[in-house]
Amino acid sequence: MAQKEYRQTRFRRPAGATEILLVRHGESEPLVPGHPFPLVDGHGDPALAPEGHEQAKRVAARLATQRIAAIYVTTLRRTAQTAAPLAAELGLTPTVEPDLREVHLGEWEGELFRQRVAEGHPIAVRMSEEERWDVIPGGEPKDDFVARLRAGLGRIAAAHPDERVAVFTHGGVIGQLLALAVGTERGFAFVGADNGSISHLVLHGDRWILRRFNDTAHLTDGMDLDPEPDLPMS
């Protein structure tokens, strides 16, 4: 008689849970001093750079076979532009979820954020040390940021039980969502998501399960993935 064995089991999505693939938008166009990005509801709204469009194509190739039920984007065009190749491949129309837009950078929106971080401005240094966006004058408080992210992701999960969705969003958003998932107070613990990277959450009621962070396997063929020396935001 064969001896009974107990093998290790692979992860299975719990019944009723939602798989959420968090895709950071592709690289956005560079900032030229004196030419601020246009604003949408007070948020800087750069378009994708050529490199970002290439990253978007690679994301589409990676996810085209993943049985994705819906695609979500934010109010900012870099997410819609990144999602466009996948949406065309799957024949899906992206849904806009405003609450998953990037953290608001107060007086530094549109032009100053990239400059101040690159220059090592004292407030930028303090922002990194304290892991708080609201040290920037007029920046979004953490509690407000967290509340809207929970609301936005909660609506998506409620609409897609037992399904997988792709959410095209931003570096600060991904960082905060994954920090919430693992229960850390370090809000910047996961802000290192590369442009075009894929992170993976499973939402099952109040339980958030982190499955993957900053997956860039689809980007490694000749593309430069070295992060900039600042927070990979916006």
Protein backbone atom coordinates (compact mmCIF):
# COMPACT_ATOMS: atom_id res chain seq x y z
CA MET A 1 0.00 0.00 0.00
CA ALA A 2 1.41 3.38 -1.05
CA GLN A 3 2.33 5.72 1.76
CA LYS A 4 0.15 8.83 1.93
CA GLU A 5 1.89 12.05 0.97
CA TYR A 6 1.15 15.67 1.72
CA ARG A 7 2.57 17.91 -0.96
CA GLN A 8 3.03 21.63 -0.77
CA THR A 9 0.10 23.41 -2.36
CA ARG A 10 0.17 26.35 -4.73
CA PHE A 11 -1.62 29.58 -3.91
CA ARG A 12 -5.25 29.61 -4.92
CA ARG A 13 -7.34 32.74 -5.08
CA PRO A 14 -9.96 32.52 -2.32
CA ALA A 15 -13.56 32.26 -3.47
CA GLY A 16 -15.01 35.72 -4.00
CA ALA A 17 -11.60 37.43 -4.01
CA THR A 18 -10.36 39.89 -6.62
CA GLU A 19 -6.91 39.79 -8.19
CA ILE A 20 -5.58 43.25 -8.92
CA LEU A 21 -2.57 43.78 -11.17
CA LEU A 22 -1.17 47.21 -10.32
CA VAL A 23 0.72 48.54 -13.33
CA ARG A 24 2.81 51.65 -12.96
CA HIS A 25 2.46 53.88 -16.00
CA GLY A 26 5.30 54.10 -18.50
CA GLU A 27 8.02 56.73 -18.31
CA SER A 28 6.56 60.20 -18.71
CA GLU A 29 8.04 63.04 -20.72
CA PRO A 30 10.91 64.99 -19.16
CA LEU A 31 10.34 68.29 -17.45
CA VAL A 32 11.86 71.35 -19.11
CA PRO A 33 12.32 74.22 -16.60
CA GLY A 34 10.00 77.07 -17.39
CA HIS A 35 7.55 74.75 -19.16
CA PRO A 36 5.41 73.18 -16.43
CA PHE A 37 3.23 70.20 -17.12
CA PRO A 38 -0.46 70.96 -17.65
CA LEU A 39 -2.66 70.38 -14.62
CA VAL A 40 -5.74 68.18 -14.32
CA ASP A 41 -7.68 68.89 -11.13
CA GLY A 42 -4.46 70.33 -9.72
CA HIS A 43 -2.28 67.32 -10.62
CA GLY A 44 0.62 67.48 -13.06
CA ASP A 45 -0.35 65.68 -16.26
CA PRO A 46 2.65 64.88 -18.46
CA ALA A 47 2.24 62.61 -21.46
CA LEU A 48 4.31 59.47 -21.97
CA ALA A 49 7.83 59.73 -23.33
CA PRO A 50 8.78 57.49 -26.28
CA GLU A 51 10.29 55.07 -23.76
CA GLY A 52 6.97 55.00 -21.94
CA HIS A 53 5.09 54.00 -25.09
CA GLU A 54 7.54 51.13 -25.61
CA GLN A 55 7.01 50.03 -22.00
CA ALA A 56 3.24 50.14 -22.59
CA LYS A 57 3.58 47.77 -25.56
CA ARG A 58 5.61 45.36 -23.46
CA VAL A 59 3.06 45.44 -20.66
CA ALA A 60 0.36 44.57 -23.20
CA ALA A 61 2.37 41.66 -24.54
CA ARG A 62 2.91 40.39 -20.99
CA LEU A 63 -0.72 40.62 -19.88
CA ALA A 64 -2.62 39.79 -23.06
CA THR A 65 -3.11 36.14 -22.03
CA GLN A 66 -3.94 36.76 -18.36
CA ARG A 67 -7.77 36.56 -18.53
CA ILE A 68 -8.22 40.16 -17.46
CA ALA A 69 -11.85 41.09 -16.95
CA ALA A 70 -11.47 44.87 -16.79
CA ILE A 71 -8.94 47.67 -17.12
CA TYR A 72 -8.86 50.72 -14.88
CA VAL A 73 -6.98 53.99 -15.32
CA THR A 74 -6.83 57.27 -13.43
CA THR A 75 -7.74 60.79 -14.50
CA LEU A 76 -4.14 61.40 -15.62
CA ARG A 77 -3.32 60.66 -19.24
CA ARG A 78 -0.08 58.76 -18.66
CA THR A 79 -2.11 55.89 -17.21
CA ALA A 80 -4.58 55.85 -20.10
CA GLN A 81 -1.74 55.95 -22.62
CA THR A 82 0.00 53.05 -20.88
CA ALA A 83 -3.21 51.01 -20.80
CA ALA A 84 -4.10 51.69 -24.45
CA PRO A 85 -2.16 48.82 -26.09
CA LEU A 86 -3.58 46.24 -23.68
CA ALA A 87 -7.09 47.64 -24.03
CA ALA A 88 -6.84 47.38 -27.82
CA GLU A 89 -5.49 43.82 -27.60
CA LEU A 90 -8.30 42.67 -25.29
CA GLY A 91 -11.11 44.77 -26.77
CA LEU A 92 -11.80 46.41 -23.40
CA THR A 93 -12.70 50.02 -22.68
CA PRO A 94 -10.80 51.28 -19.62
CA THR A 95 -12.80 52.60 -16.70
CA VAL A 96 -11.59 55.75 -14.93
CA GLU A 97 -11.17 55.46 -11.15
CA PRO A 98 -10.37 59.01 -9.96
CA ASP A 99 -9.45 58.01 -6.41
CA LEU A 100 -6.38 56.09 -7.62
CA ARG A 101 -4.73 59.21 -9.08
CA GLU A 102 -1.29 60.14 -7.80
CA VAL A 103 -0.72 61.74 -4.41
CA HIS A 104 -1.14 65.52 -4.62
CA LEU A 105 2.16 67.36 -4.32
CA GLY A 106 0.77 70.73 -3.31
CA GLU A 107 2.81 73.73 -4.42
CA TRP A 108 5.27 71.43 -6.21
CA GLU A 109 2.75 70.12 -8.73
CA GLY A 110 3.36 70.70 -12.42
CA GLU A 111 7.02 71.68 -12.29
CA LEU A 112 8.80 71.93 -8.97
CA PHE A 113 8.74 68.34 -7.66
CA ARG A 114 11.30 66.86 -10.02
CA GLN A 115 13.52 69.91 -9.74
CA ARG A 116 13.43 70.08 -5.95
CA VAL A 117 14.17 66.37 -5.54
CA ALA A 118 17.04 66.49 -8.04
CA GLU A 119 18.52 69.52 -6.26
CA GLY A 120 18.30 67.90 -2.83
CA HIS A 121 16.05 70.67 -1.53
CA PRO A 122 15.75 70.54 2.29
CA ILE A 123 12.01 69.86 2.10
CA ALA A 124 12.63 67.00 -0.35
CA VAL A 125 15.20 65.54 2.03
CA ARG A 126 12.77 65.86 4.93
CA MET A 127 10.01 64.28 2.84
CA SER A 128 12.16 61.22 2.27
CA GLU A 129 13.40 60.99 5.85
CA GLU A 130 9.93 61.35 7.38
CA GLU A 131 8.20 59.36 4.59
CA ARG A 132 5.47 61.98 4.26
CA TRP A 133 4.26 63.80 1.18
CA ASP A 134 2.58 66.54 3.18
CA VAL A 135 5.84 68.14 4.27
CA ILE A 136 5.58 69.75 0.83
CA PRO A 137 3.55 72.96 1.24
CA GLY A 138 -0.03 72.06 0.41
CA GLY A 139 0.81 68.37 -0.04
CA GLU A 140 -1.86 65.73 0.51
CA PRO A 141 -2.04 64.44 4.11
CA LYS A 142 -1.46 60.72 4.51
CA ASP A 143 -4.85 60.03 6.09
CA ASP A 144 -6.63 61.67 3.14
CA PHE A 145 -4.48 59.80 0.64
CA VAL A 146 -5.05 56.44 2.33
CA ALA A 147 -8.80 57.02 2.62
CA ARG A 148 -9.28 57.67 -1.08
CA LEU A 149 -7.04 54.78 -2.11
CA ARG A 150 -9.01 52.37 0.09
CA ALA A 151 -12.25 53.71 -1.38
CA GLY A 152 -11.09 53.41 -4.98
CA LEU A 153 -9.62 49.94 -4.64
CA GLY A 154 -12.62 48.82 -2.61
CA ARG A 155 -15.00 49.80 -5.41
CA ILE A 156 -12.95 47.85 -7.94
CA ALA A 157 -12.84 44.74 -5.73
CA ALA A 158 -16.58 44.92 -5.08
CA ALA A 159 -17.27 45.07 -8.82
CA HIS A 160 -15.08 42.07 -9.70
CA PRO A 161 -15.38 39.11 -7.32
CA ASP A 162 -13.63 36.00 -8.65
CA GLU A 163 -11.99 38.06 -11.41
CA ARG A 164 -8.62 39.55 -12.32
CA VAL A 165 -8.33 43.22 -13.28
CA ALA A 166 -5.48 45.48 -14.42
CA VAL A 167 -5.20 48.86 -12.71
CA PHE A 168 -2.88 51.36 -14.38
CA THR A 169 -1.80 53.84 -11.74
CA HIS A 170 1.14 55.68 -10.17
CA GLY A 171 4.29 55.09 -8.14
CA GLY A 172 3.09 56.79 -4.97
CA VAL A 173 -0.24 54.98 -5.15
CA ILE A 174 1.37 51.57 -5.58
CA GLY A 175 3.76 52.24 -2.73
CA GLN A 176 1.00 53.21 -0.33
CA LEU A 177 -1.32 50.35 -1.32
CA LEU A 178 1.36 47.73 -0.80
CA ALA A 179 2.36 49.31 2.53
CA LEU A 180 -1.28 48.95 3.60
CA ALA A 181 -1.33 45.35 2.42
CA VAL A 182 1.61 44.34 4.61
CA GLY A 183 0.59 46.53 7.54
CA THR A 184 3.62 48.78 7.67
CA GLU A 185 3.54 52.42 8.75
CA ARG A 186 6.43 53.09 6.39
CA GLY A 187 4.54 54.78 3.59
CA PHE A 188 7.56 54.85 1.29
CA ALA A 189 8.47 51.17 1.74
CA PHE A 190 7.32 50.28 -1.80
CA VAL A 191 7.70 53.50 -3.78
CA GLY A 192 10.45 51.93 -5.89
CA ALA A 193 8.11 50.50 -8.54
CA ASP A 194 9.68 50.93 -11.98
CA ASN A 195 7.80 52.44 -14.90
CA GLY A 196 5.84 49.68 -16.60
CA SER A 197 6.26 47.30 -13.66
CA ILE A 198 3.53 44.98 -12.39
CA SER A 199 2.62 44.45 -8.75
CA HIS A 200 -0.05 42.00 -7.64
CA LEU A 201 -2.61 42.16 -4.85
CA VAL A 202 -5.43 39.78 -3.96
CA LEU A 203 -8.31 41.40 -2.06
CA HIS A 204 -10.58 39.12 -0.06
CA GLY A 205 -12.83 41.18 2.18
CA ASP A 206 -10.64 43.02 4.66
CA ARG A 207 -7.68 40.78 3.84
CA TRP A 208 -5.15 42.13 1.34
CA ILE A 209 -2.56 39.61 0.11
CA LEU A 210 0.63 40.83 -1.55
CA ARG A 211 1.65 38.36 -4.27
CA ARG A 212 4.20 40.31 -6.31
CA PHE A 213 6.07 43.64 -6.33
CA ASN A 214 7.84 45.41 -9.20
CA ASP A 215 7.79 42.56 -11.71
CA THR A 216 9.78 43.83 -14.72
CA ALA A 217 10.56 40.58 -16.53
CA HIS A 218 8.84 41.93 -19.65
CA LEU A 219 11.09 45.01 -19.68
CA THR A 220 14.53 43.47 -19.31
CA ASP A 221 15.38 42.94 -22.98
CA GLY A 222 17.64 45.87 -23.63
CA MET A 223 15.67 48.43 -21.63
CA ASP A 224 17.33 50.50 -18.92
CA LEU A 225 15.68 49.72 -15.59
CA ASP A 226 18.11 51.60 -13.37
CA PRO A 227 15.99 53.87 -11.15
CA GLU A 228 16.58 57.59 -11.04
CA PRO A 229 18.35 58.80 -7.88
CA ASP A 230 15.09 60.24 -6.55
CA LEU A 231 11.74 58.81 -5.54
CA PRO A 232 10.30 57.12 -8.65
CA MET A 233 7.13 59.14 -8.50
CA SER A 234 4.62 60.66 -10.90
